[in-house]
Amino acid sequence: MDYRIENNWYEDTQGGSRRIYVYAGARSGGPGGTTQIGVVIVRILEIFVLENETRISVVEHSVYLTPCQGGPVRVVDAVSEVLTLQSASGHTFTFDVPARQFLP
């Protein structure tokens, strides 16, 4: 599955050894197009040193579809780890990053 990303938010945790990325956008509708299905992708990276080289490992890669089809979404605000997203059609969604779910 391909996605078109509108923007992202990230936070460094565990003393900078872990980075949480949240990408916001939509499912791709083919070359250059998008669908009306908004998407949030959570990707967690672990950063560590091994044999004097900095390494990055993907710990998690999860995809969440918006509760309704309002087009691509963008992160428009963040309070701690709770993100506000807005769709192209004006719908507003709240996504709880630690719980990995949309809030009512």
C-alpha atoms as a PDB file:
ATOM      1  CA  MET A   1       0.000   0.000   0.000  1.00  0.00           C
ATOM      2  CA  ASP A   2       1.305   3.454  -0.911  1.00  0.00           C
ATOM      3  CA  TYR A   3       0.598   6.688   0.934  1.00  0.00           C
ATOM      4  CA  ARG A   4       0.855  10.387   0.250  1.00  0.00           C
ATOM      5  CA  ILE A   5       2.222  12.149   3.322  1.00  0.00           C
ATOM      6  CA  GLU A   6       1.091  15.712   4.048  1.00  0.00           C
ATOM      7  CA  ASN A   7       3.235  16.378   7.135  1.00  0.00           C
ATOM      8  CA  ASN A   8       4.588  14.755  10.297  1.00  0.00           C
ATOM      9  CA  TRP A   9       5.232  15.184  13.997  1.00  0.00           C
ATOM     10  CA  TYR A  10       7.975  13.576  16.050  1.00  0.00           C
ATOM     11  CA  GLU A  11       9.193  13.280  19.609  1.00  0.00           C
ATOM     12  CA  ASP A  12      12.464  12.012  21.041  1.00  0.00           C
ATOM     13  CA  THR A  13      12.070   9.782  24.102  1.00  0.00           C
ATOM     14  CA  GLN A  14      14.235   7.643  26.364  1.00  0.00           C
ATOM     15  CA  GLY A  15      17.002  10.224  26.499  1.00  0.00           C
ATOM     16  CA  GLY A  16      17.078  10.577  22.727  1.00  0.00           C
ATOM     17  CA  SER A  17      17.591   6.886  22.022  1.00  0.00           C
ATOM     18  CA  ARG A  18      14.072   6.472  20.625  1.00  0.00           C
ATOM     19  CA  ARG A  19      12.193   8.666  18.155  1.00  0.00           C
ATOM     20  CA  ILE A  20       8.451   8.451  17.559  1.00  0.00           C
ATOM     21  CA  TYR A  21       7.323   9.707  14.151  1.00  0.00           C
ATOM     22  CA  VAL A  22       3.689  10.227  13.256  1.00  0.00           C
ATOM     23  CA  TYR A  23       3.041  10.812   9.555  1.00  0.00           C
ATOM     24  CA  ALA A  24      -0.318  12.186   8.384  1.00  0.00           C
ATOM     25  CA  GLY A  25      -1.791  11.965   4.893  1.00  0.00           C
ATOM     26  CA  ALA A  26      -3.915   9.629   2.787  1.00  0.00           C
ATOM     27  CA  ARG A  27      -3.803   6.387   0.885  1.00  0.00           C
ATOM     28  CA  SER A  28      -2.413   6.869  -2.573  1.00  0.00           C
ATOM     29  CA  GLY A  29      -4.879   6.704  -5.426  1.00  0.00           C
ATOM     30  CA  GLY A  30      -2.263   5.867  -8.027  1.00  0.00           C
ATOM     31  CA  PRO A  31       0.404   8.008  -9.687  1.00  0.00           C
ATOM     32  CA  GLY A  32       0.176  11.500  -8.209  1.00  0.00           C
ATOM     33  CA  GLY A  33      -3.305  10.999  -6.727  1.00  0.00           C
ATOM     34  CA  THR A  34      -4.816  10.393  -3.324  1.00  0.00           C
ATOM     35  CA  THR A  35      -7.979   8.760  -2.055  1.00  0.00           C
ATOM     36  CA  GLN A  36     -10.485  10.117   0.449  1.00  0.00           C
ATOM     37  CA  ILE A  37      -9.112   7.700   3.060  1.00  0.00           C
ATOM     38  CA  GLY A  38      -7.031   9.621   5.596  1.00  0.00           C
ATOM     39  CA  VAL A  39      -4.166   7.810   7.270  1.00  0.00           C
ATOM     40  CA  VAL A  40      -1.908   8.135  10.309  1.00  0.00           C
ATOM     41  CA  ILE A  41       1.325   6.151  10.331  1.00  0.00           C
ATOM     42  CA  VAL A  42       3.223   5.618  13.591  1.00  0.00           C
ATOM     43  CA  ARG A  43       6.868   4.681  13.130  1.00  0.00           C
ATOM     44  CA  ILE A  44       9.217   4.218  16.080  1.00  0.00           C
ATOM     45  CA  LEU A  45      12.974   4.175  15.597  1.00  0.00           C
ATOM     46  CA  GLU A  46      15.592   3.001  18.086  1.00  0.00           C
ATOM     47  CA  ILE A  47      18.941   4.795  17.816  1.00  0.00           C
ATOM     48  CA  PHE A  48      21.979   3.020  19.241  1.00  0.00           C
ATOM     49  CA  VAL A  49      25.738   2.689  18.852  1.00  0.00           C
ATOM     50  CA  LEU A  50      27.252  -0.625  17.795  1.00  0.00           C
ATOM     51  CA  GLU A  51      30.954  -1.021  17.077  1.00  0.00           C
ATOM     52  CA  ASN A  52      31.436   2.775  17.125  1.00  0.00           C
ATOM     53  CA  GLU A  53      28.722   3.325  14.498  1.00  0.00           C
ATOM     54  CA  THR A  54      25.317   4.888  15.043  1.00  0.00           C
ATOM     55  CA  ARG A  55      22.600   2.461  14.006  1.00  0.00           C
ATOM     56  CA  ILE A  56      18.874   2.901  13.539  1.00  0.00           C
ATOM     57  CA  SER A  57      16.354   0.112  13.923  1.00  0.00           C
ATOM     58  CA  VAL A  58      12.620   0.259  13.181  1.00  0.00           C
ATOM     59  CA  VAL A  59      10.809  -0.862  16.335  1.00  0.00           C
ATOM     60  CA  GLU A  60       7.251  -0.285  15.118  1.00  0.00           C
ATOM     61  CA  HIS A  61       5.465   0.645  11.898  1.00  0.00           C
ATOM     62  CA  SER A  62       1.675   0.817  12.262  1.00  0.00           C
ATOM     63  CA  VAL A  63      -1.029   2.295  10.035  1.00  0.00           C
ATOM     64  CA  TYR A  64      -4.346   3.744  11.258  1.00  0.00           C
ATOM     65  CA  LEU A  65      -7.186   4.875   8.990  1.00  0.00           C
ATOM     66  CA  THR A  66      -9.237   7.921   9.943  1.00  0.00           C
ATOM     67  CA  PRO A  67     -12.738   7.195  11.311  1.00  0.00           C
ATOM     68  CA  CYS A  68     -14.395   8.764   8.252  1.00  0.00           C
ATOM     69  CA  GLN A  69     -13.364   9.491   4.692  1.00  0.00           C
ATOM     70  CA  GLY A  70     -12.608  13.205   4.607  1.00  0.00           C
ATOM     71  CA  GLY A  71      -9.518  13.183   2.442  1.00  0.00           C
ATOM     72  CA  PRO A  72      -5.870  13.601   3.406  1.00  0.00           C
ATOM     73  CA  VAL A  73      -5.144  14.732   6.971  1.00  0.00           C
ATOM     74  CA  ARG A  74      -2.504  17.056   8.398  1.00  0.00           C
ATOM     75  CA  VAL A  75      -1.189  17.441  11.949  1.00  0.00           C
ATOM     76  CA  VAL A  76      -2.303  20.932  13.003  1.00  0.00           C
ATOM     77  CA  ASP A  77      -1.609  20.826  16.757  1.00  0.00           C
ATOM     78  CA  ALA A  78       0.027  18.704  19.436  1.00  0.00           C
ATOM     79  CA  VAL A  79      -0.450  18.758  23.187  1.00  0.00           C
ATOM     80  CA  SER A  80       2.031  16.359  24.696  1.00  0.00           C
ATOM     81  CA  GLU A  81       1.404  13.151  22.719  1.00  0.00           C
ATOM     82  CA  VAL A  82      -2.171  13.919  21.662  1.00  0.00           C
ATOM     83  CA  LEU A  83      -2.370  15.205  18.097  1.00  0.00           C
ATOM     84  CA  THR A  84      -5.074  17.216  16.375  1.00  0.00           C
ATOM     85  CA  LEU A  85      -5.461  16.404  12.700  1.00  0.00           C
ATOM     86  CA  GLN A  86      -7.541  18.185  10.095  1.00  0.00           C
ATOM     87  CA  SER A  87      -8.754  16.664   6.857  1.00  0.00           C
ATOM     88  CA  ALA A  88      -8.951  18.338   3.473  1.00  0.00           C
ATOM     89  CA  SER A  89     -12.743  18.469   3.872  1.00  0.00           C
ATOM     90  CA  GLY A  90     -12.533  20.199   7.277  1.00  0.00           C
ATOM     91  CA  HIS A  91     -13.079  17.225   9.621  1.00  0.00           C
ATOM     92  CA  THR A  92     -11.047  17.372  12.839  1.00  0.00           C
ATOM     93  CA  PHE A  93      -9.661  14.221  14.465  1.00  0.00           C
ATOM     94  CA  THR A  94      -7.791  13.656  17.721  1.00  0.00           C
ATOM     95  CA  PHE A  95      -5.156  10.917  17.786  1.00  0.00           C
ATOM     96  CA  ASP A  96      -3.686   9.633  21.059  1.00  0.00           C
ATOM     97  CA  VAL A  97      -0.147   8.519  20.188  1.00  0.00           C
ATOM     98  CA  PRO A  98       0.564   6.324  23.278  1.00  0.00           C
ATOM     99  CA  ALA A  99      -2.847   4.588  22.998  1.00  0.00           C
ATOM    100  CA  ARG A 100      -2.515   4.359  19.174  1.00  0.00           C
ATOM    101  CA  GLN A 101      -6.152   5.309  18.663  1.00  0.00           C
ATOM    102  CA  PHE A 102      -8.452   8.085  17.553  1.00  0.00           C
ATOM    103  CA  LEU A 103     -10.389   9.706  20.393  1.00  0.00           C
ATOM    104  CA  PRO A 104     -14.124  10.458  20.194  1.00  0.00           C
END
